[in-house]
Amino acid sequence: MAQLDQKDRPPADIGILGGTGLYEIDGIEDIKERLLETPFGKPSDAYITGTLGGKRVAFLSRHGRGHRLLPSDINYQANIYGFKMLGAERIISVNSCGSLKEDIRPRDIVFSDQFFDRTRRRNTFFGGGIAAHIGFAEPVCPDLSAALFAAGKELGLRVHQGGTYICIEGPAFSSRAESNVYRLWGCDVIGMTGATEAKLCREAEICYATMNLVTDYDVWHAEEESVSVELILENLRLNIENAKAIIKKTVASLPAQRGEKCGCGRALENCIVTQGSLIPPETGKKLRFIISKYVKP
């Protein structure tokens, strides 16, 4: 396992978080595999780094190769911290999801801009003697999400901009009663990972946007097949090439520097409430890739 030093971290402009094989995009060069050990433990798998569209990219399989990890068993802190160690300032997340709306059909792609978190996890990088409270009213990066949506439109794909992603604990799918309640709440899609990742990216000052590949109508639709593993895998297989095309086009179009509109790179400004002198040294060291801009050793 490699332990990177902050001053020596290799450049990875953009992180891409999704399934195994997502890095197999036409045009990617200089592919390398990198195992990391973070202060939060091991990420889900090795990071696959390379160059795409003139940008350094790093891919990670969130469930591990071979899909070994349940949503509740993913080490989300390690995954996002590992991207931070690699220098990523943007993360594109690719997720499978169910649709809660008639007009969002299987094999559509939804770029959600809101989350409703129903998980029992309280994932944060903070604690252990340091408290911080990030703003989360607008949980995704508007610049990155808009770029992904524009790429999908230009490719002629069935894409939707905006919408609420309800994040459930899993691993079981919803009951019909739950699915109908989520629809009454105004949610658009349902998944098990996005909200947690978005919160950690905000704490890490990483731009985050989610590309949700719709695989099913959950269980609410009387005339459509209910969600199943077989249905999810088949529709993912049919849609993954579209996801790769969007990623390739978006990565090439992104400016080298992040825009000021999103504010993601300043997300922790004035959010750490613990007096610097009271932060335990071991906690400061553990979080150095995140807090060093605001808390001096």
Protein backbone atom coordinates (compact mmCIF):
# COMPACT_ATOMS: atom_id res chain seq x y z
CA MET A 1 0.00 0.00 0.00
CA ALA A 2 1.28 3.46 -0.91
CA GLN A 3 1.08 6.25 1.65
CA LEU A 4 1.27 9.55 -0.19
CA ASP A 5 2.80 12.66 1.24
CA GLN A 6 0.76 15.80 0.62
CA LYS A 7 3.58 17.72 -1.07
CA ASP A 8 4.35 14.76 -3.36
CA ARG A 9 0.86 13.70 -4.34
CA PRO A 10 0.53 12.86 -8.05
CA PRO A 11 -1.84 14.94 -10.15
CA ALA A 12 -5.35 13.56 -10.71
CA ASP A 13 -7.59 16.38 -11.85
CA ILE A 14 -10.82 14.39 -11.90
CA GLY A 15 -12.07 11.38 -9.98
CA ILE A 16 -14.62 9.00 -11.46
CA LEU A 17 -16.50 6.82 -9.02
CA GLY A 18 -18.58 3.95 -10.33
CA GLY A 19 -18.51 0.34 -11.39
CA THR A 20 -15.76 -2.01 -12.45
CA GLY A 21 -14.56 -1.40 -16.01
CA LEU A 22 -15.78 2.17 -16.19
CA TYR A 23 -12.20 3.22 -16.93
CA GLU A 24 -12.26 1.26 -20.21
CA ILE A 25 -12.94 4.41 -22.23
CA ASP A 26 -11.63 4.82 -25.74
CA GLY A 27 -8.76 7.30 -25.70
CA ILE A 28 -7.53 6.81 -22.14
CA GLU A 29 -3.75 6.54 -21.94
CA ASP A 30 -0.99 5.79 -19.44
CA ILE A 31 -3.16 3.50 -17.32
CA LYS A 32 -1.72 2.59 -13.94
CA GLU A 33 -3.09 0.89 -10.86
CA ARG A 34 -2.47 2.50 -7.49
CA LEU A 35 -3.25 1.00 -4.08
CA LEU A 36 -3.61 3.54 -1.28
CA GLU A 37 -3.83 3.35 2.49
CA THR A 38 -5.71 6.31 3.97
CA PRO A 39 -6.04 7.46 7.59
CA PHE A 40 -9.58 6.04 7.37
CA GLY A 41 -8.47 2.61 6.17
CA LYS A 42 -8.51 0.97 2.78
CA PRO A 43 -10.64 2.26 -0.11
CA SER A 44 -12.93 -0.14 -1.94
CA ASP A 45 -10.23 -1.10 -4.45
CA ALA A 46 -7.16 0.19 -6.25
CA TYR A 47 -7.44 3.51 -8.06
CA ILE A 48 -6.92 3.28 -11.82
CA THR A 49 -5.17 6.42 -13.04
CA GLY A 50 -4.58 7.63 -16.57
CA THR A 51 -4.91 10.54 -18.97
CA LEU A 52 -8.16 11.30 -20.79
CA GLY A 53 -8.85 14.37 -22.92
CA GLY A 54 -5.70 16.02 -21.64
CA LYS A 55 -6.77 15.61 -17.99
CA ARG A 56 -5.38 13.31 -15.33
CA VAL A 57 -8.16 11.01 -14.15
CA ALA A 58 -8.53 8.45 -11.38
CA PHE A 59 -11.20 5.75 -11.41
CA LEU A 60 -12.46 3.78 -8.40
CA SER A 61 -14.94 0.90 -8.23
CA ARG A 62 -17.10 1.83 -5.23
CA HIS A 63 -18.25 -1.74 -4.56
CA GLY A 64 -14.83 -3.24 -5.35
CA ARG A 65 -14.02 -5.35 -8.38
CA GLY A 66 -16.46 -8.23 -8.54
CA HIS A 67 -19.01 -6.12 -6.58
CA ARG A 68 -17.96 -7.41 -3.15
CA LEU A 69 -19.27 -4.62 -0.93
CA LEU A 70 -22.83 -3.84 0.14
CA PRO A 71 -23.72 -0.13 0.21
CA SER A 72 -23.54 -0.13 4.02
CA ASP A 73 -20.11 -1.81 3.97
CA ILE A 74 -18.39 0.68 1.65
CA ASN A 75 -15.65 2.69 3.34
CA TYR A 76 -16.88 6.02 1.96
CA GLN A 77 -14.43 8.13 3.95
CA ALA A 78 -11.46 6.15 2.62
CA ASN A 79 -12.76 6.32 -0.96
CA ILE A 80 -13.18 10.11 -0.97
CA TYR A 81 -10.04 10.78 1.08
CA GLY A 82 -8.07 8.66 -1.37
CA PHE A 83 -9.25 10.88 -4.23
CA LYS A 84 -8.19 13.90 -2.16
CA MET A 85 -4.75 12.37 -1.64
CA LEU A 86 -4.45 11.92 -5.39
CA GLY A 87 -5.22 15.60 -5.89
CA ALA A 88 -8.69 15.28 -7.48
CA GLU A 89 -10.71 18.50 -7.35
CA ARG A 90 -13.76 17.09 -9.13
CA ILE A 91 -15.58 13.76 -8.80
CA ILE A 92 -18.06 12.38 -11.31
CA SER A 93 -20.17 9.70 -9.65
CA VAL A 94 -21.92 7.08 -11.78
CA ASN A 95 -24.76 5.25 -10.04
CA SER A 96 -27.55 2.87 -10.90
CA CYS A 97 -30.93 4.03 -9.62
CA GLY A 98 -34.65 3.38 -9.76
CA SER A 99 -37.16 5.86 -11.15
CA LEU A 100 -40.00 7.26 -9.06
CA LYS A 101 -41.52 9.25 -11.93
CA GLU A 102 -43.43 8.05 -14.99
CA ASP A 103 -41.48 10.28 -17.37
CA ILE A 104 -38.08 9.06 -16.13
CA ARG A 105 -37.79 5.79 -17.98
CA PRO A 106 -35.37 2.86 -17.64
CA ARG A 107 -32.10 3.62 -19.47
CA ASP A 108 -32.63 7.38 -19.04
CA ILE A 109 -29.85 9.31 -17.28
CA VAL A 110 -30.64 11.74 -14.45
CA PHE A 111 -28.24 14.37 -13.10
CA SER A 112 -29.76 14.86 -9.66
CA ASP A 113 -29.16 18.13 -7.84
CA GLN A 114 -30.79 17.32 -4.47
CA PHE A 115 -30.66 14.48 -1.95
CA PHE A 116 -33.00 13.13 0.70
CA ASP A 117 -30.88 11.02 3.03
CA ARG A 118 -32.66 8.08 4.68
CA THR A 119 -29.52 6.17 5.62
CA ARG A 120 -28.60 5.37 9.20
CA ARG A 121 -24.96 6.28 8.66
CA ARG A 122 -23.65 9.64 9.81
CA ASN A 123 -20.56 9.71 7.63
CA THR A 124 -18.25 12.64 8.12
CA PHE A 125 -14.52 13.21 8.22
CA PHE A 126 -14.89 15.19 11.43
CA GLY A 127 -15.03 14.15 15.07
CA GLY A 128 -12.19 12.99 17.27
CA GLY A 129 -11.75 16.43 18.78
CA ILE A 130 -12.65 18.60 15.78
CA ALA A 131 -16.13 19.83 14.82
CA ALA A 132 -17.21 21.27 11.47
CA HIS A 133 -20.61 21.90 9.89
CA ILE A 134 -20.67 22.28 6.10
CA GLY A 135 -23.45 23.92 4.12
CA PHE A 136 -25.43 21.42 2.06
CA ALA A 137 -28.38 23.37 0.68
CA GLU A 138 -27.04 22.88 -2.86
CA PRO A 139 -25.31 19.49 -2.61
CA VAL A 140 -23.87 19.09 -6.10
CA CYS A 141 -21.52 21.28 -8.09
CA PRO A 142 -23.64 23.28 -10.57
CA ASP A 143 -20.78 23.70 -13.04
CA LEU A 144 -19.88 20.00 -13.15
CA SER A 145 -23.48 18.81 -13.28
CA ALA A 146 -24.30 21.26 -16.09
CA ALA A 147 -21.28 20.09 -18.10
CA LEU A 148 -22.37 16.45 -17.78
CA PHE A 149 -25.95 17.26 -18.79
CA ALA A 150 -24.77 19.31 -21.79
CA ALA A 151 -22.58 16.41 -22.94
CA GLY A 152 -25.53 14.03 -22.71
CA LYS A 153 -27.73 16.39 -24.71
CA GLU A 154 -25.08 16.83 -27.39
CA LEU A 155 -24.81 13.05 -27.69
CA GLY A 156 -28.58 12.81 -28.25
CA LEU A 157 -29.23 10.76 -25.11
CA ARG A 158 -32.33 10.74 -22.90
CA VAL A 159 -31.07 12.91 -20.06
CA HIS A 160 -32.76 14.87 -17.26
CA GLN A 161 -31.23 17.82 -15.44
CA GLY A 162 -32.05 18.14 -11.74
CA GLY A 163 -34.25 16.13 -9.42
CA THR A 164 -34.15 14.61 -5.95
CA TYR A 165 -32.27 11.40 -5.24
CA ILE A 166 -33.57 9.60 -2.14
CA CYS A 167 -30.78 7.57 -0.56
CA ILE A 168 -31.89 4.49 1.37
CA GLU A 169 -29.82 2.20 3.55
CA GLY A 170 -30.48 -1.05 1.68
CA PRO A 171 -29.42 -3.66 0.85
CA ALA A 172 -33.05 -4.67 0.35
CA PHE A 173 -35.06 -2.78 -2.24
CA SER A 174 -38.10 -0.77 -1.12
CA SER A 175 -41.48 -2.14 -0.19
CA ARG A 176 -44.32 -0.92 -2.42
CA ALA A 177 -45.60 1.24 0.46
CA GLU A 178 -42.18 2.90 0.88
CA SER A 179 -41.84 3.46 -2.85
CA ASN A 180 -45.23 5.18 -3.01
CA VAL A 181 -44.40 7.37 0.00
CA TYR A 182 -41.15 8.48 -1.63
CA ARG A 183 -43.18 9.45 -4.70
CA LEU A 184 -45.54 11.49 -2.52
CA TRP A 185 -42.51 13.27 -1.07
CA GLY A 186 -41.59 14.42 -4.55
CA CYS A 187 -38.46 12.31 -4.99
CA ASP A 188 -37.38 11.49 -8.54
CA VAL A 189 -34.92 8.60 -8.27
CA ILE A 190 -33.86 6.15 -5.58
CA GLY A 191 -30.44 4.72 -4.76
CA MET A 192 -28.18 3.69 -1.88
CA THR A 193 -24.88 5.61 -2.16
CA GLY A 194 -25.13 9.14 -3.58
CA ALA A 195 -25.99 11.24 -0.52
CA THR A 196 -23.11 9.89 1.57
CA GLU A 197 -20.57 10.53 -1.17
CA ALA A 198 -21.90 14.04 -1.78
CA LYS A 199 -21.56 15.02 1.90
CA LEU A 200 -17.99 13.77 2.15
CA CYS A 201 -17.01 15.50 -1.09
CA ARG A 202 -18.39 18.76 0.25
CA GLU A 203 -16.33 18.38 3.45
CA ALA A 204 -13.27 17.60 1.32
CA GLU A 205 -13.93 20.66 -0.90
CA ILE A 206 -14.26 18.46 -3.99
CA CYS A 207 -16.77 19.31 -6.71
CA TYR A 208 -19.28 16.46 -6.93
CA ALA A 209 -21.93 15.58 -9.50
CA THR A 210 -23.90 12.38 -9.90
CA MET A 211 -24.86 10.64 -13.14
CA ASN A 212 -27.73 8.29 -12.32
CA LEU A 213 -28.32 5.47 -14.79
CA VAL A 214 -31.99 4.51 -14.47
CA THR A 215 -32.47 0.75 -14.46
CA ASP A 216 -36.08 0.27 -13.31
CA TYR A 217 -39.27 1.81 -11.91
CA ASP A 218 -38.51 0.61 -8.38
CA VAL A 219 -41.68 -1.29 -7.26
CA TRP A 220 -44.43 1.33 -7.53
CA HIS A 221 -45.32 0.97 -11.21
CA ALA A 222 -48.25 -1.41 -11.75
CA GLU A 223 -47.51 -1.99 -15.44
CA GLU A 224 -43.72 -2.33 -15.35
CA GLU A 225 -41.42 -5.04 -14.06
CA SER A 226 -40.38 -4.45 -10.43
CA VAL A 227 -36.74 -3.89 -9.59
CA SER A 228 -34.53 -6.97 -9.48
CA VAL A 229 -30.83 -7.67 -9.69
CA GLU A 230 -31.30 -9.17 -13.16
CA LEU A 231 -33.14 -6.07 -14.42
CA ILE A 232 -30.54 -3.71 -12.95
CA LEU A 233 -27.60 -5.55 -14.48
CA GLU A 234 -29.20 -5.79 -17.92
CA ASN A 235 -30.11 -2.10 -18.12
CA LEU A 236 -26.72 -1.11 -16.73
CA ARG A 237 -25.07 -3.14 -19.46
CA LEU A 238 -27.14 -1.33 -22.08
CA ASN A 239 -26.42 2.13 -20.62
CA ILE A 240 -22.79 1.93 -19.56
CA GLU A 241 -21.46 2.87 -23.00
CA ASN A 242 -23.58 6.03 -22.87
CA ALA A 243 -22.07 6.85 -19.47
CA LYS A 244 -18.55 6.39 -20.85
CA ALA A 245 -19.36 8.66 -23.81
CA ILE A 246 -20.63 11.39 -21.47
CA ILE A 247 -17.56 11.11 -19.25
CA LYS A 248 -15.18 11.31 -22.21
CA LYS A 249 -16.92 14.36 -23.67
CA THR A 250 -17.25 16.11 -20.31
CA VAL A 251 -13.66 15.54 -19.19
CA ALA A 252 -12.34 16.99 -22.45
CA SER A 253 -14.58 20.07 -22.13
CA LEU A 254 -13.86 20.98 -18.52
CA PRO A 255 -11.58 23.98 -17.92
CA ALA A 256 -8.37 23.29 -16.09
CA GLN A 257 -9.44 25.49 -13.17
CA ARG A 258 -12.70 25.21 -11.29
CA GLY A 259 -15.15 28.07 -11.68
CA GLU A 260 -16.17 30.46 -8.91
CA LYS A 261 -19.89 29.72 -9.30
CA CYS A 262 -19.84 26.44 -7.42
CA GLY A 263 -17.87 27.51 -4.34
CA CYS A 264 -16.96 23.86 -3.69
CA GLY A 265 -13.31 24.73 -3.23
CA ARG A 266 -14.23 27.02 -0.31
CA ALA A 267 -16.80 24.76 1.34
CA LEU A 268 -14.94 24.51 4.66
CA GLU A 269 -14.28 28.24 4.97
CA ASN A 270 -15.60 29.39 8.38
CA CYS A 271 -17.11 25.92 8.98
CA ILE A 272 -14.53 24.51 11.40
CA VAL A 273 -15.76 25.64 14.80
CA THR A 274 -13.09 24.07 17.01
CA GLN A 275 -10.32 26.37 18.17
CA GLY A 276 -7.16 25.36 16.35
CA SER A 277 -5.06 25.01 19.50
CA LEU A 278 -7.56 22.48 20.89
CA ILE A 279 -7.51 20.12 17.91
CA PRO A 280 -5.62 16.95 18.92
CA PRO A 281 -2.37 16.64 16.90
CA GLU A 282 -3.27 13.14 15.74
CA THR A 283 -6.61 14.39 14.40
CA GLY A 284 -4.93 17.29 12.63
CA LYS A 285 -2.47 14.90 11.03
CA LYS A 286 -5.25 12.51 10.01
CA LEU A 287 -7.17 15.30 8.26
CA ARG A 288 -4.21 17.21 6.84
CA PHE A 289 -5.29 16.82 3.21
CA ILE A 290 -8.62 18.46 4.09
CA ILE A 291 -7.97 21.06 6.80
CA SER A 292 -4.40 22.27 6.26
CA LYS A 293 -5.67 25.34 4.39
CA TYR A 294 -7.52 26.48 7.50
CA VAL A 295 -5.74 24.88 10.46
CA LYS A 296 -2.00 25.31 10.71
CA PRO A 297 0.06 22.66 12.53
